[in-house]
Amino acid sequence: MSEQFYIGLGSGIKLLSEDWYIKEFGNISKKAFRSFCRALKVPIVEIGKVSYVEMNSFQIAMKAITRVGEEDFFVSGYLSVSSGKK
């Protein structure tokens, strides 16, 4: 039985599993991804054994931190490429 990576609720809500996001980010732990979501103020919805993140909310939060003029944003647990700081 394959794991369901998304749940579509009507025309505007699509929940993607945290495993899908982790796979897309490449080399990020589940703990780091959850910390990242908390820092972005994007809630994680746990349904049974699977945790989901609402796609549009995550996109809006990512857009907000990547706007021109915003400060650098570091994901918890990773080193800065330029300074080597955590």
PDB file of N, CA and C in Angstrom:
ATOM      1  N   MET A   1       0.854  -1.185   0.000  1.00  0.00           N
ATOM      2  CA  MET A   1       0.000   0.000   0.000  1.00  0.00           C
ATOM      3  C   MET A   1       0.898   1.245   0.000  1.00  0.00           C
ATOM      4  N   SER A   2       0.659   2.143  -0.933  1.00  0.00           N
ATOM      5  CA  SER A   2       1.485   3.347  -1.031  1.00  0.00           C
ATOM      6  C   SER A   2       0.936   4.458  -0.145  1.00  0.00           C
ATOM      7  N   GLU A   3       1.858   5.296   0.315  1.00  0.00           N
ATOM      8  CA  GLU A   3       1.476   6.417   1.168  1.00  0.00           C
ATOM      9  C   GLU A   3       0.858   7.528   0.322  1.00  0.00           C
ATOM     10  N   GLN A   4      -0.178   8.151   0.846  1.00  0.00           N
ATOM     11  CA  GLN A   4      -0.823   9.256   0.143  1.00  0.00           C
ATOM     12  C   GLN A   4      -0.046  10.536   0.446  1.00  0.00           C
ATOM     13  N   PHE A   5       0.418  11.222  -0.616  1.00  0.00           N
ATOM     14  CA  PHE A   5       1.233  12.413  -0.427  1.00  0.00           C
ATOM     15  C   PHE A   5       0.427  13.702  -0.400  1.00  0.00           C
ATOM     16  N   TYR A   6      -0.847  13.658  -0.767  1.00  0.00           N
ATOM     17  CA  TYR A   6      -1.655  14.872  -0.697  1.00  0.00           C
ATOM     18  C   TYR A   6      -3.118  14.544  -0.463  1.00  0.00           C
ATOM     19  N   ILE A   7      -3.813  15.539   0.065  1.00  0.00           N
ATOM     20  CA  ILE A   7      -5.262  15.477   0.237  1.00  0.00           C
ATOM     21  C   ILE A   7      -5.813  16.756  -0.374  1.00  0.00           C
ATOM     22  N   GLY A   8      -6.721  16.627  -1.308  1.00  0.00           N
ATOM     23  CA  GLY A   8      -7.376  17.790  -1.901  1.00  0.00           C
ATOM     24  C   GLY A   8      -8.725  18.005  -1.239  1.00  0.00           C
ATOM     25  N   LEU A   9      -8.954  19.219  -0.765  1.00  0.00           N
ATOM     26  CA  LEU A   9     -10.217  19.557  -0.106  1.00  0.00           C
ATOM     27  C   LEU A   9     -10.868  20.713  -0.856  1.00  0.00           C
ATOM     28  N   GLY A  10     -11.742  20.401  -1.769  1.00  0.00           N
ATOM     29  CA  GLY A  10     -12.413  21.448  -2.523  1.00  0.00           C
ATOM     30  C   GLY A  10     -11.489  22.090  -3.540  1.00  0.00           C
ATOM     31  N   SER A  11     -11.823  23.310  -3.914  1.00  0.00           N
ATOM     32  CA  SER A  11     -11.092  23.971  -4.987  1.00  0.00           C
ATOM     33  C   SER A  11      -9.885  24.777  -4.518  1.00  0.00           C
ATOM     34  N   GLY A  12      -9.685  24.941  -3.218  1.00  0.00           N
ATOM     35  CA  GLY A  12      -8.609  25.827  -2.794  1.00  0.00           C
ATOM     36  C   GLY A  12      -7.661  25.286  -1.754  1.00  0.00           C
ATOM     37  N   ILE A  13      -7.900  24.088  -1.252  1.00  0.00           N
ATOM     38  CA  ILE A  13      -7.057  23.577  -0.180  1.00  0.00           C
ATOM     39  C   ILE A  13      -6.426  22.254  -0.618  1.00  0.00           C
ATOM     40  N   LYS A  14      -5.090  22.238  -0.605  1.00  0.00           N
ATOM     41  CA  LYS A  14      -4.357  21.022  -0.922  1.00  0.00           C
ATOM     42  C   LYS A  14      -3.313  20.812   0.161  1.00  0.00           C
ATOM     43  N   LEU A  15      -3.459  19.720   0.892  1.00  0.00           N
ATOM     44  CA  LEU A  15      -2.508  19.371   1.937  1.00  0.00           C
ATOM     45  C   LEU A  15      -1.481  18.409   1.361  1.00  0.00           C
ATOM     46  N   LEU A  16      -0.203  18.781   1.458  1.00  0.00           N
ATOM     47  CA  LEU A  16       0.885  17.913   1.002  1.00  0.00           C
ATOM     48  C   LEU A  16       1.586  17.341   2.226  1.00  0.00           C
ATOM     49  N   SER A  17       1.979  16.082   2.150  1.00  0.00           N
ATOM     50  CA  SER A  17       2.631  15.452   3.300  1.00  0.00           C
ATOM     51  C   SER A  17       3.989  16.091   3.559  1.00  0.00           C
ATOM     52  N   GLU A  18       4.399  16.094   4.820  1.00  0.00           N
ATOM     53  CA  GLU A  18       5.710  16.642   5.138  1.00  0.00           C
ATOM     54  C   GLU A  18       6.801  15.824   4.466  1.00  0.00           C
ATOM     55  N   ASP A  19       6.566  14.542   4.248  1.00  0.00           N
ATOM     56  CA  ASP A  19       7.550  13.712   3.548  1.00  0.00           C
ATOM     57  C   ASP A  19       7.759  14.193   2.120  1.00  0.00           C
ATOM     58  N   TRP A  20       6.704  14.694   1.486  1.00  0.00           N
ATOM     59  CA  TRP A  20       6.829  15.237   0.130  1.00  0.00           C
ATOM     60  C   TRP A  20       7.749  16.466   0.152  1.00  0.00           C
ATOM     61  N   TYR A  21       7.515  17.365   1.108  1.00  0.00           N
ATOM     62  CA  TYR A  21       8.354  18.562   1.213  1.00  0.00           C
ATOM     63  C   TYR A  21       9.807  18.178   1.513  1.00  0.00           C
ATOM     64  N   ILE A  22      10.011  17.245   2.427  1.00  0.00           N
ATOM     65  CA  ILE A  22      11.353  16.807   2.797  1.00  0.00           C
ATOM     66  C   ILE A  22      12.077  16.240   1.580  1.00  0.00           C
ATOM     67  N   LYS A  23      11.362  15.461   0.789  1.00  0.00           N
ATOM     68  CA  LYS A  23      11.938  14.905  -0.439  1.00  0.00           C
ATOM     69  C   LYS A  23      12.328  16.033  -1.406  1.00  0.00           C
ATOM     70  N   GLU A  24      11.479  17.049  -1.529  1.00  0.00           N
ATOM     71  CA  GLU A  24      11.755  18.167  -2.425  1.00  0.00           C
ATOM     72  C   GLU A  24      12.957  18.990  -1.957  1.00  0.00           C
ATOM     73  N   PHE A  25      13.109  19.156  -0.648  1.00  0.00           N
ATOM     74  CA  PHE A  25      14.236  19.922  -0.112  1.00  0.00           C
ATOM     75  C   PHE A  25      15.548  19.148  -0.232  1.00  0.00           C
ATOM     76  N   GLY A  26      15.459  17.844  -0.351  1.00  0.00           N
ATOM     77  CA  GLY A  26      16.668  17.045  -0.526  1.00  0.00           C
ATOM     78  C   GLY A  26      17.252  16.565   0.775  1.00  0.00           C
ATOM     79  N   ASN A  27      18.139  17.313   1.353  1.00  0.00           N
ATOM     80  CA  ASN A  27      18.885  16.863   2.527  1.00  0.00           C
ATOM     81  C   ASN A  27      18.449  17.632   3.773  1.00  0.00           C
ATOM     82  N   ILE A  28      17.236  17.380   4.224  1.00  0.00           N
ATOM     83  CA  ILE A  28      16.719  18.044   5.424  1.00  0.00           C
ATOM     84  C   ILE A  28      16.051  16.985   6.294  1.00  0.00           C
ATOM     85  N   SER A  29      16.244  17.077   7.582  1.00  0.00           N
ATOM     86  CA  SER A  29      15.630  16.104   8.490  1.00  0.00           C
ATOM     87  C   SER A  29      14.189  16.506   8.788  1.00  0.00           C
ATOM     88  N   LYS A  30      13.438  15.557   9.292  1.00  0.00           N
ATOM     89  CA  LYS A  30      12.057  15.828   9.679  1.00  0.00           C
ATOM     90  C   LYS A  30      12.015  16.885  10.784  1.00  0.00           C
ATOM     91  N   LYS A  31      12.938  16.790  11.733  1.00  0.00           N
ATOM     92  CA  LYS A  31      13.007  17.754  12.831  1.00  0.00           C
ATOM     93  C   LYS A  31      13.295  19.165  12.292  1.00  0.00           C
ATOM     94  N   ALA A  32      14.239  19.274  11.348  1.00  0.00           N
ATOM     95  CA  ALA A  32      14.576  20.575  10.765  1.00  0.00           C
ATOM     96  C   ALA A  32      13.400  21.130   9.973  1.00  0.00           C
ATOM     97  N   PHE A  33      12.678  20.270   9.242  1.00  0.00           N
ATOM     98  CA  PHE A  33      11.536  20.747   8.475  1.00  0.00           C
ATOM     99  C   PHE A  33      10.440  21.268   9.399  1.00  0.00           C
ATOM    100  N   ARG A  34      10.182  20.556  10.481  1.00  0.00           N
ATOM    101  CA  ARG A  34       9.156  21.010  11.429  1.00  0.00           C
ATOM    102  C   ARG A  34       9.559  22.327  12.090  1.00  0.00           C
ATOM    103  N   SER A  35      10.831  22.468  12.405  1.00  0.00           N
ATOM    104  CA  SER A  35      11.336  23.720  12.971  1.00  0.00           C
ATOM    105  C   SER A  35      11.186  24.861  11.958  1.00  0.00           C
ATOM    106  N   PHE A  36      11.461  24.567  10.696  1.00  0.00           N
ATOM    107  CA  PHE A  36      11.315  25.534   9.611  1.00  0.00           C
ATOM    108  C   PHE A  36       9.856  25.987   9.513  1.00  0.00           C
ATOM    109  N   CYS A  37       8.919  25.049   9.553  1.00  0.00           N
ATOM    110  CA  CYS A  37       7.493  25.402   9.494  1.00  0.00           C
ATOM    111  C   CYS A  37       7.087  26.269  10.679  1.00  0.00           C
ATOM    112  N   ARG A  38       7.600  25.939  11.874  1.00  0.00           N
ATOM    113  CA  ARG A  38       7.300  26.760  13.055  1.00  0.00           C
ATOM    114  C   ARG A  38       7.837  28.176  12.874  1.00  0.00           C
ATOM    115  N   ALA A  39       9.047  28.294  12.342  1.00  0.00           N
ATOM    116  CA  ALA A  39       9.640  29.620  12.119  1.00  0.00           C
ATOM    117  C   ALA A  39       8.839  30.413  11.091  1.00  0.00           C
ATOM    118  N   LEU A  40       8.273  29.718  10.105  1.00  0.00           N
ATOM    119  CA  LEU A  40       7.444  30.370   9.091  1.00  0.00           C
ATOM    120  C   LEU A  40       6.016  30.629   9.576  1.00  0.00           C
ATOM    121  N   LYS A  41       5.668  30.042  10.730  1.00  0.00           N
ATOM    122  CA  LYS A  41       4.309  30.125  11.289  1.00  0.00           C
ATOM    123  C   LYS A  41       3.291  29.392  10.408  1.00  0.00           C
ATOM    124  N   VAL A  42       3.754  28.321   9.749  1.00  0.00           N
ATOM    125  CA  VAL A  42       2.875  27.494   8.918  1.00  0.00           C
ATOM    126  C   VAL A  42       2.536  26.243   9.725  1.00  0.00           C
ATOM    127  N   PRO A  43       1.262  26.011  10.004  1.00  0.00           N
ATOM    128  CA  PRO A  43       0.890  24.857  10.831  1.00  0.00           C
ATOM    129  C   PRO A  43       1.061  23.523  10.103  1.00  0.00           C
ATOM    130  N   ILE A  44       1.332  22.499  10.892  1.00  0.00           N
ATOM    131  CA  ILE A  44       1.398  21.129  10.403  1.00  0.00           C
ATOM    132  C   ILE A  44       0.143  20.426  10.907  1.00  0.00           C
ATOM    133  N   VAL A  45      -0.567  19.770  10.003  1.00  0.00           N
ATOM    134  CA  VAL A  45      -1.804  19.073  10.339  1.00  0.00           C
ATOM    135  C   VAL A  45      -1.501  17.577  10.390  1.00  0.00           C
ATOM    136  N   GLU A  46      -1.686  16.968  11.544  1.00  0.00           N
ATOM    137  CA  GLU A  46      -1.432  15.539  11.672  1.00  0.00           C
ATOM    138  C   GLU A  46      -2.748  14.781  11.558  1.00  0.00           C
ATOM    139  N   ILE A  47      -2.780  13.889  10.577  1.00  0.00           N
ATOM    140  CA  ILE A  47      -3.954  13.037  10.361  1.00  0.00           C
ATOM    141  C   ILE A  47      -3.461  11.603  10.379  1.00  0.00           C
ATOM    142  N   GLY A  48      -3.796  10.900  11.454  1.00  0.00           N
ATOM    143  CA  GLY A  48      -3.290   9.538  11.606  1.00  0.00           C
ATOM    144  C   GLY A  48      -1.783   9.554  11.764  1.00  0.00           C
ATOM    145  N   LYS A  49      -1.089   8.763  10.944  1.00  0.00           N
ATOM    146  CA  LYS A  49       0.365   8.666  11.025  1.00  0.00           C
ATOM    147  C   LYS A  49       1.072   9.625  10.063  1.00  0.00           C
ATOM    148  N   VAL A  50       0.311  10.418   9.317  1.00  0.00           N
ATOM    149  CA  VAL A  50       0.889  11.311   8.314  1.00  0.00           C
ATOM    150  C   VAL A  50       0.670  12.764   8.721  1.00  0.00           C
ATOM    151  N   SER A  51       1.706  13.569   8.550  1.00  0.00           N
ATOM    152  CA  SER A  51       1.621  15.004   8.831  1.00  0.00           C
ATOM    153  C   SER A  51       1.588  15.752   7.508  1.00  0.00           C
ATOM    154  N   TYR A  52       0.725  16.765   7.427  1.00  0.00           N
ATOM    155  CA  TYR A  52       0.520  17.512   6.195  1.00  0.00           C
ATOM    156  C   TYR A  52       0.738  19.001   6.419  1.00  0.00           C
ATOM    157  N   VAL A  53       1.105  19.695   5.331  1.00  0.00           N
ATOM    158  CA  VAL A  53       1.250  21.146   5.335  1.00  0.00           C
ATOM    159  C   VAL A  53       0.414  21.672   4.171  1.00  0.00           C
ATOM    160  N   GLU A  54      -0.371  22.710   4.415  1.00  0.00           N
ATOM    161  CA  GLU A  54      -1.216  23.280   3.357  1.00  0.00           C
ATOM    162  C   GLU A  54      -0.330  24.010   2.351  1.00  0.00           C
ATOM    163  N   MET A  55      -0.445  23.622   1.097  1.00  0.00           N
ATOM    164  CA  MET A  55       0.442  24.080   0.038  1.00  0.00           C
ATOM    165  C   MET A  55       0.444  25.599  -0.138  1.00  0.00           C
ATOM    166  N   ASN A  56      -0.706  26.217  -0.232  1.00  0.00           N
ATOM    167  CA  ASN A  56      -0.766  27.668  -0.475  1.00  0.00           C
ATOM    168  C   ASN A  56      -0.190  28.468   0.690  1.00  0.00           C
ATOM    169  N   SER A  57      -0.452  28.034   1.910  1.00  0.00           N
ATOM    170  CA  SER A  57       0.098  28.726   3.083  1.00  0.00           C
ATOM    171  C   SER A  57       1.619  28.664   3.080  1.00  0.00           C
ATOM    172  N   PHE A  58       2.166  27.491   2.742  1.00  0.00           N
ATOM    173  CA  PHE A  58       3.609  27.327   2.689  1.00  0.00           C
ATOM    174  C   PHE A  58       4.203  28.211   1.594  1.00  0.00           C
ATOM    175  N   GLN A  59       3.557  28.262   0.446  1.00  0.00           N
ATOM    176  CA  GLN A  59       4.042  29.100  -0.653  1.00  0.00           C
ATOM    177  C   GLN A  59       4.023  30.583  -0.280  1.00  0.00           C
ATOM    178  N   ILE A  60       2.964  31.027   0.377  1.00  0.00           N
ATOM    179  CA  ILE A  60       2.866  32.430   0.794  1.00  0.00           C
ATOM    180  C   ILE A  60       3.976  32.759   1.795  1.00  0.00           C
ATOM    181  N   ALA A  61       4.216  31.843   2.742  1.00  0.00           N
ATOM    182  CA  ALA A  61       5.269  32.070   3.737  1.00  0.00           C
ATOM    183  C   ALA A  61       6.644  32.113   3.066  1.00  0.00           C
ATOM    184  N   MET A  62       6.885  31.234   2.113  1.00  0.00           N
ATOM    185  CA  MET A  62       8.161  31.238   1.393  1.00  0.00           C
ATOM    186  C   MET A  62       8.321  32.516   0.576  1.00  0.00           C
ATOM    187  N   LYS A  63       7.243  32.961  -0.039  1.00  0.00           N
ATOM    188  CA  LYS A  63       7.286  34.203  -0.811  1.00  0.00           C
ATOM    189  C   LYS A  63       7.626  35.380   0.109  1.00  0.00           C
ATOM    190  N   ALA A  64       7.062  35.385   1.316  1.00  0.00           N
ATOM    191  CA  ALA A  64       7.291  36.479   2.264  1.00  0.00           C
ATOM    192  C   ALA A  64       8.757  36.572   2.675  1.00  0.00           C
ATOM    193  N   ILE A  65       9.420  35.431   2.892  1.00  0.00           N
ATOM    194  CA  ILE A  65      10.817  35.491   3.348  1.00  0.00           C
ATOM    195  C   ILE A  65      11.793  35.683   2.198  1.00  0.00           C
ATOM    196  N   THR A  66      11.317  35.534   0.952  1.00  0.00           N
ATOM    197  CA  THR A  66      12.223  35.681  -0.195  1.00  0.00           C
ATOM    198  C   THR A  66      11.989  36.975  -0.974  1.00  0.00           C
ATOM    199  N   ARG A  67      11.179  37.875  -0.425  1.00  0.00           N
ATOM    200  CA  ARG A  67      10.970  39.170  -1.091  1.00  0.00           C
ATOM    201  C   ARG A  67      12.253  39.992  -1.086  1.00  0.00           C
ATOM    202  N   VAL A  68      12.381  40.848  -2.062  1.00  0.00           N
ATOM    203  CA  VAL A  68      13.514  41.771  -2.133  1.00  0.00           C
ATOM    204  C   VAL A  68      13.494  42.658  -0.888  1.00  0.00           C
ATOM    205  N   GLY A  69      14.646  42.819  -0.275  1.00  0.00           N
ATOM    206  CA  GLY A  69      14.764  43.678   0.906  1.00  0.00           C
ATOM    207  C   GLY A  69      14.644  42.944   2.222  1.00  0.00           C
ATOM    208  N   GLU A  70      14.263  41.674   2.200  1.00  0.00           N
ATOM    209  CA  GLU A  70      14.144  40.909   3.446  1.00  0.00           C
ATOM    210  C   GLU A  70      15.531  40.457   3.922  1.00  0.00           C
ATOM    211  N   GLU A  71      15.636  40.219   5.218  1.00  0.00           N
ATOM    212  CA  GLU A  71      16.867  39.697   5.801  1.00  0.00           C
ATOM    213  C   GLU A  71      17.060  38.246   5.377  1.00  0.00           C
ATOM    214  N   ASP A  72      18.304  37.761   5.492  1.00  0.00           N
ATOM    215  CA  ASP A  72      18.583  36.350   5.222  1.00  0.00           C
ATOM    216  C   ASP A  72      17.817  35.491   6.223  1.00  0.00           C
ATOM    217  N   PHE A  73      17.404  34.323   5.786  1.00  0.00           N
ATOM    218  CA  PHE A  73      16.635  33.406   6.620  1.00  0.00           C
ATOM    219  C   PHE A  73      17.373  32.077   6.637  1.00  0.00           C
ATOM    220  N   PHE A  74      17.662  31.562   7.814  1.00  0.00           N
ATOM    221  CA  PHE A  74      18.407  30.322   7.942  1.00  0.00           C
ATOM    222  C   PHE A  74      17.525  29.228   8.520  1.00  0.00           C
ATOM    223  N   VAL A  75      17.571  28.057   7.901  1.00  0.00           N
ATOM    224  CA  VAL A  75      16.843  26.900   8.406  1.00  0.00           C
ATOM    225  C   VAL A  75      17.625  26.331   9.584  1.00  0.00           C
ATOM    226  N   SER A  76      16.937  26.012  10.645  1.00  0.00           N
ATOM    227  CA  SER A  76      17.551  25.489  11.858  1.00  0.00           C
ATOM    228  C   SER A  76      18.394  24.248  11.566  1.00  0.00           C
ATOM    229  N   GLY A  77      19.585  24.206  12.170  1.00  0.00           N
ATOM    230  CA  GLY A  77      20.429  23.038  12.049  1.00  0.00           C
ATOM    231  C   GLY A  77      21.387  23.050  10.871  1.00  0.00           C
ATOM    232  N   TYR A  78      21.372  24.094  10.073  1.00  0.00           N
ATOM    233  CA  TYR A  78      22.259  24.171   8.910  1.00  0.00           C
ATOM    234  C   TYR A  78      23.262  25.291   9.075  1.00  0.00           C
ATOM    235  N   LEU A  79      24.422  25.122   8.462  1.00  0.00           N
ATOM    236  CA  LEU A  79      25.468  26.143   8.499  1.00  0.00           C
ATOM    237  C   LEU A  79      25.255  27.155   7.390  1.00  0.00           C
ATOM    238  N   SER A  80      25.580  28.405   7.671  1.00  0.00           N
ATOM    239  CA  SER A  80      25.571  29.443   6.662  1.00  0.00           C
ATOM    240  C   SER A  80      26.709  29.180   5.678  1.00  0.00           C
ATOM    241  N   VAL A  81      26.422  29.262   4.400  1.00  0.00           N
ATOM    242  CA  VAL A  81      27.437  29.033   3.383  1.00  0.00           C
ATOM    243  C   VAL A  81      28.540  30.082   3.475  1.00  0.00           C
ATOM    244  N   SER A  82      28.167  31.330   3.700  1.00  0.00           N
ATOM    245  CA  SER A  82      29.160  32.413   3.699  1.00  0.00           C
ATOM    246  C   SER A  82      29.948  32.532   4.992  1.00  0.00           C
ATOM    247  N   SER A  83      29.290  32.383   6.135  1.00  0.00           N
ATOM    248  CA  SER A  83      29.991  32.613   7.410  1.00  0.00           C
ATOM    249  C   SER A  83      30.336  31.351   8.172  1.00  0.00           C
ATOM    250  N   GLY A  84      29.694  30.243   7.851  1.00  0.00           N
ATOM    251  CA  GLY A  84      29.949  29.001   8.575  1.00  0.00           C
ATOM    252  C   GLY A  84      29.253  28.940   9.926  1.00  0.00           C
ATOM    253  N   LYS A  85      28.415  29.963  10.233  1.00  0.00           N
ATOM    254  CA  LYS A  85      27.704  29.989  11.510  1.00  0.00           C
ATOM    255  C   LYS A  85      26.441  29.146  11.423  1.00  0.00           C
ATOM    256  N   LYS A  86      26.029  28.598  12.593  1.00  0.00           N
ATOM    257  CA  LYS A  86      24.767  27.853  12.647  1.00  0.00           C
ATOM    258  C   LYS A  86      23.633  28.808  12.830  1.00  0.00           C
TER     259      LYS A  86
END
